[in-house]
Amino acid sequence: MKAEDELAERARKLFAGPIDFLKSAPSLQFLPDPTAPEVAFAGRSNVGKSSLLNALTNRNGLARTSNTPGRTQELNFFDVGKPLRIRLVDMPGYGFAEAPKDMVKRWRFLINDYLRGRAVLKRALVLVDARHGLKPVDHEVMDMLDAAAVSYHLVLTKADKVKRTALEAVLQETVDQAAKHPAAHPTIFTTSSETGSGMPELRTAILEATE
């Protein structure tokens, strides 16, 4: 078996095994002990983050999906594997217009402090709706990740909702934009939580980033 096939198979087995919600952290003092490598998920509100987490882990209700933008205002930690191998971190959604300014400020402080101070954070995944492409608020978060020197992948979500030619155009635009950000990984993923496309590749990338 080729090395990449072997890695993909280990990733499949890991995500098919035990995955449990650990805790929510509303501020830094509630973070779990840094005992495992972490991969964090970021994205605009309603980008499909919870659906992607559920599809990635083959579970229906691991991450709660909500139609209320900005509902998650905490860092949610999920343990993957027994014994513990990886932690997935669901970061609060950003870019919701209805949120009060102090909530946006709190969000920014929490995320910034977590990104800058978490030695076990190995990779972030920035989710981008394939129907809309990168928005100014996504670039703000990418700038935060650049400044914190946290390597990240851009992940296009809801790819099944876009015609193929439009998807190819959004992907190319995303590749071009990513090239301008020092911490952005050149590999960009195209995914659909509905069809499961892109999930095996994403699982493999997560395992690769944490080993």
Protein backbone atom coordinates (compact mmCIF):
# COMPACT_ATOMS: atom_id res chain seq x y z
CA MET A 1 0.00 0.00 0.00
CA LYS A 2 1.34 3.41 -0.97
CA ALA A 3 2.11 5.81 1.89
CA GLU A 4 -0.75 8.17 0.99
CA ASP A 5 -3.23 5.28 0.72
CA GLU A 6 -2.08 3.99 4.09
CA LEU A 7 -2.55 7.45 5.63
CA ALA A 8 -6.04 7.73 4.10
CA GLU A 9 -7.01 4.33 5.52
CA ARG A 10 -5.73 5.27 8.99
CA ALA A 11 -7.71 8.52 8.78
CA ARG A 12 -10.86 6.61 7.77
CA LYS A 13 -10.48 4.23 10.71
CA LEU A 14 -9.76 7.05 13.16
CA PHE A 15 -12.90 8.99 12.19
CA ALA A 16 -14.99 5.80 12.18
CA GLY A 17 -13.97 5.18 15.82
CA PRO A 18 -14.92 6.89 19.10
CA ILE A 19 -15.53 10.66 18.91
CA ASP A 20 -16.95 12.48 21.92
CA PHE A 21 -17.87 16.01 22.86
CA LEU A 22 -15.43 17.08 25.60
CA LYS A 23 -16.40 20.60 26.70
CA SER A 24 -17.25 24.18 25.76
CA ALA A 25 -14.85 26.95 26.68
CA PRO A 26 -16.38 30.46 26.91
CA SER A 27 -12.96 31.90 27.80
CA LEU A 28 -9.33 30.81 27.91
CA GLN A 29 -9.31 29.64 31.52
CA PHE A 30 -11.77 26.89 30.53
CA LEU A 31 -9.59 25.40 27.80
CA PRO A 32 -8.83 21.69 28.24
CA ASP A 33 -5.29 20.66 29.10
CA PRO A 34 -3.17 20.66 25.91
CA THR A 35 -2.78 16.87 25.81
CA ALA A 36 -3.48 16.25 22.10
CA PRO A 37 -2.87 18.02 18.77
CA GLU A 38 -5.79 20.26 17.79
CA VAL A 39 -7.40 21.21 14.48
CA ALA A 40 -9.76 24.21 14.61
CA PHE A 41 -12.74 24.92 12.34
CA ALA A 42 -13.60 28.53 11.48
CA GLY A 43 -16.24 29.95 9.19
CA ARG A 44 -18.91 32.56 8.66
CA SER A 45 -22.25 31.94 10.31
CA ASN A 46 -24.37 29.55 8.22
CA VAL A 47 -21.39 28.37 6.15
CA GLY A 48 -22.32 24.80 7.09
CA LYS A 49 -19.70 24.23 9.79
CA SER A 50 -21.83 21.98 12.00
CA SER A 51 -23.03 19.96 9.00
CA LEU A 52 -19.44 19.52 7.85
CA LEU A 53 -18.29 18.39 11.31
CA ASN A 54 -21.14 15.88 11.41
CA ALA A 55 -20.34 14.56 7.91
CA LEU A 56 -16.62 14.42 8.64
CA THR A 57 -17.19 12.32 11.76
CA ASN A 58 -20.02 10.18 10.29
CA ARG A 59 -22.39 11.36 13.00
CA ASN A 60 -25.72 13.15 12.81
CA GLY A 61 -25.69 15.09 16.03
CA LEU A 62 -22.07 15.63 17.04
CA ALA A 63 -22.18 19.36 16.29
CA ARG A 64 -25.52 21.07 16.70
CA THR A 65 -26.74 22.79 13.56
CA SER A 66 -28.58 26.03 14.13
CA ASN A 67 -30.48 28.45 11.93
CA THR A 68 -29.69 31.25 14.36
CA PRO A 69 -26.48 32.90 13.18
CA GLY A 70 -23.87 33.43 15.87
CA ARG A 71 -25.46 31.03 18.32
CA THR A 72 -22.20 29.33 19.24
CA GLN A 73 -20.12 31.83 21.20
CA GLU A 74 -17.74 29.31 22.75
CA LEU A 75 -14.92 27.04 21.64
CA ASN A 76 -16.32 23.49 21.49
CA PHE A 77 -13.83 20.63 21.87
CA PHE A 78 -14.31 17.10 20.54
CA ASP A 79 -12.03 14.15 21.38
CA VAL A 80 -11.19 11.83 18.48
CA GLY A 81 -9.93 8.30 19.17
CA LYS A 82 -9.46 6.13 22.24
CA PRO A 83 -6.77 6.54 23.39
CA LEU A 84 -7.09 10.24 22.49
CA ARG A 85 -5.39 11.07 19.19
CA ILE A 86 -6.73 14.43 18.02
CA ARG A 87 -9.02 17.22 19.24
CA LEU A 88 -11.35 19.01 16.87
CA VAL A 89 -12.19 22.57 17.92
CA ASP A 90 -15.38 24.18 16.66
CA MET A 91 -14.85 27.95 16.78
CA PRO A 92 -17.81 30.34 16.95
CA GLY A 93 -19.13 31.50 13.58
CA TYR A 94 -18.23 35.02 12.49
CA GLY A 95 -19.63 37.76 10.29
CA PHE A 96 -23.24 37.83 11.49
CA ALA A 97 -24.76 41.29 11.11
CA GLU A 98 -27.27 40.93 13.94
CA ALA A 99 -24.70 40.41 16.68
CA PRO A 100 -24.14 43.24 19.17
CA LYS A 101 -20.74 44.94 18.91
CA ASP A 102 -19.58 43.76 22.34
CA MET A 103 -20.27 40.15 21.31
CA VAL A 104 -18.18 40.60 18.15
CA LYS A 105 -15.41 42.11 20.27
CA ARG A 106 -15.57 39.17 22.72
CA TRP A 107 -15.45 36.76 19.79
CA ARG A 108 -12.35 38.48 18.41
CA PHE A 109 -10.53 38.42 21.77
CA LEU A 110 -11.38 34.77 22.41
CA ILE A 111 -10.30 33.61 18.95
CA ASN A 112 -7.18 35.76 18.85
CA ASP A 113 -6.02 34.62 22.29
CA TYR A 114 -6.71 30.97 21.44
CA LEU A 115 -4.87 31.16 18.10
CA ARG A 116 -1.84 32.94 19.51
CA GLY A 117 -1.45 30.97 22.70
CA ARG A 118 -2.26 27.37 21.82
CA ALA A 119 0.93 25.43 21.14
CA VAL A 120 -0.97 22.20 20.33
CA LEU A 121 -2.98 23.89 17.52
CA LYS A 122 -1.59 22.26 14.38
CA ARG A 123 -3.93 23.50 11.66
CA ALA A 124 -7.06 25.55 11.13
CA LEU A 125 -9.72 24.95 8.50
CA VAL A 126 -11.44 28.09 7.19
CA LEU A 127 -14.79 27.15 5.68
CA VAL A 128 -16.06 29.18 2.73
CA ASP A 129 -19.50 28.82 1.11
CA ALA A 130 -18.85 27.72 -2.49
CA ARG A 131 -21.90 29.72 -3.65
CA HIS A 132 -20.39 33.02 -2.49
CA GLY A 133 -16.60 32.59 -2.36
CA LEU A 134 -14.34 34.57 -0.03
CA LYS A 135 -15.87 37.64 1.63
CA PRO A 136 -14.02 40.55 3.35
CA VAL A 137 -14.73 39.01 6.78
CA ASP A 138 -13.03 35.76 5.65
CA HIS A 139 -9.93 37.75 4.73
CA GLU A 140 -10.00 39.32 8.22
CA VAL A 141 -9.90 35.87 9.80
CA MET A 142 -7.20 34.76 7.36
CA ASP A 143 -5.19 37.85 8.42
CA MET A 144 -5.64 36.82 12.08
CA LEU A 145 -4.33 33.33 11.25
CA ASP A 146 -1.42 34.81 9.27
CA ALA A 147 -0.52 37.06 12.23
CA ALA A 148 -0.73 34.13 14.66
CA ALA A 149 1.38 31.99 12.26
CA VAL A 150 -1.26 29.23 12.29
CA SER A 151 -1.24 27.21 9.06
CA TYR A 152 -4.70 26.78 7.54
CA HIS A 153 -6.59 25.15 4.69
CA LEU A 154 -9.47 26.86 2.91
CA VAL A 155 -12.43 24.49 2.55
CA LEU A 156 -15.26 25.20 0.11
CA THR A 157 -18.58 23.93 1.51
CA LYS A 158 -21.94 23.21 -0.18
CA ALA A 159 -20.22 22.33 -3.47
CA ASP A 160 -23.30 20.32 -4.51
CA LYS A 161 -25.30 23.58 -4.63
CA VAL A 162 -23.12 25.09 -7.39
CA LYS A 163 -22.90 24.28 -11.09
CA ARG A 164 -19.58 22.77 -12.09
CA THR A 165 -18.31 25.73 -14.14
CA ALA A 166 -19.22 28.18 -11.35
CA LEU A 167 -17.52 25.92 -8.81
CA GLU A 168 -14.34 25.80 -10.89
CA ALA A 169 -14.33 29.61 -11.10
CA VAL A 170 -14.80 29.99 -7.32
CA LEU A 171 -12.06 27.41 -6.68
CA GLN A 172 -9.62 29.24 -8.97
CA GLU A 173 -10.42 32.59 -7.34
CA THR A 174 -9.92 31.02 -3.89
CA VAL A 175 -6.55 29.55 -4.96
CA ASP A 176 -5.45 32.98 -6.24
CA GLN A 177 -6.53 34.72 -3.03
CA ALA A 178 -4.92 32.07 -0.79
CA ALA A 179 -1.57 32.66 -2.52
CA LYS A 180 -1.55 36.18 -1.02
CA HIS A 181 -1.76 34.88 2.55
CA PRO A 182 1.49 33.53 4.07
CA ALA A 183 -0.15 30.98 6.40
CA ALA A 184 -2.64 29.62 3.85
CA HIS A 185 -1.86 26.06 2.73
CA PRO A 186 -1.87 25.72 -1.07
CA THR A 187 -4.19 22.67 -0.95
CA ILE A 188 -7.84 23.76 -1.01
CA PHE A 189 -10.69 21.32 -0.44
CA THR A 190 -14.07 21.22 -2.13
CA THR A 191 -16.70 19.49 0.00
CA SER A 192 -20.37 18.67 0.32
CA SER A 193 -21.89 17.55 3.62
CA GLU A 194 -24.92 16.30 1.67
CA THR A 195 -23.06 13.97 -0.70
CA GLY A 196 -19.94 13.36 1.42
CA SER A 197 -17.62 14.50 -1.37
CA GLY A 198 -14.24 15.75 -0.17
CA MET A 199 -14.62 14.18 3.29
CA PRO A 200 -12.02 11.38 2.88
CA GLU A 201 -9.45 13.93 1.65
CA LEU A 202 -10.23 16.26 4.54
CA ARG A 203 -9.92 13.47 7.14
CA THR A 204 -6.54 12.52 5.65
CA ALA A 205 -5.34 16.15 5.73
CA ILE A 206 -6.37 16.47 9.40
CA LEU A 207 -4.47 13.33 10.36
CA GLU A 208 -1.46 14.41 8.32
CA ALA A 209 -1.39 17.85 10.00
CA THR A 210 -1.42 16.33 13.46
CA GLU A 211 1.25 13.66 13.01
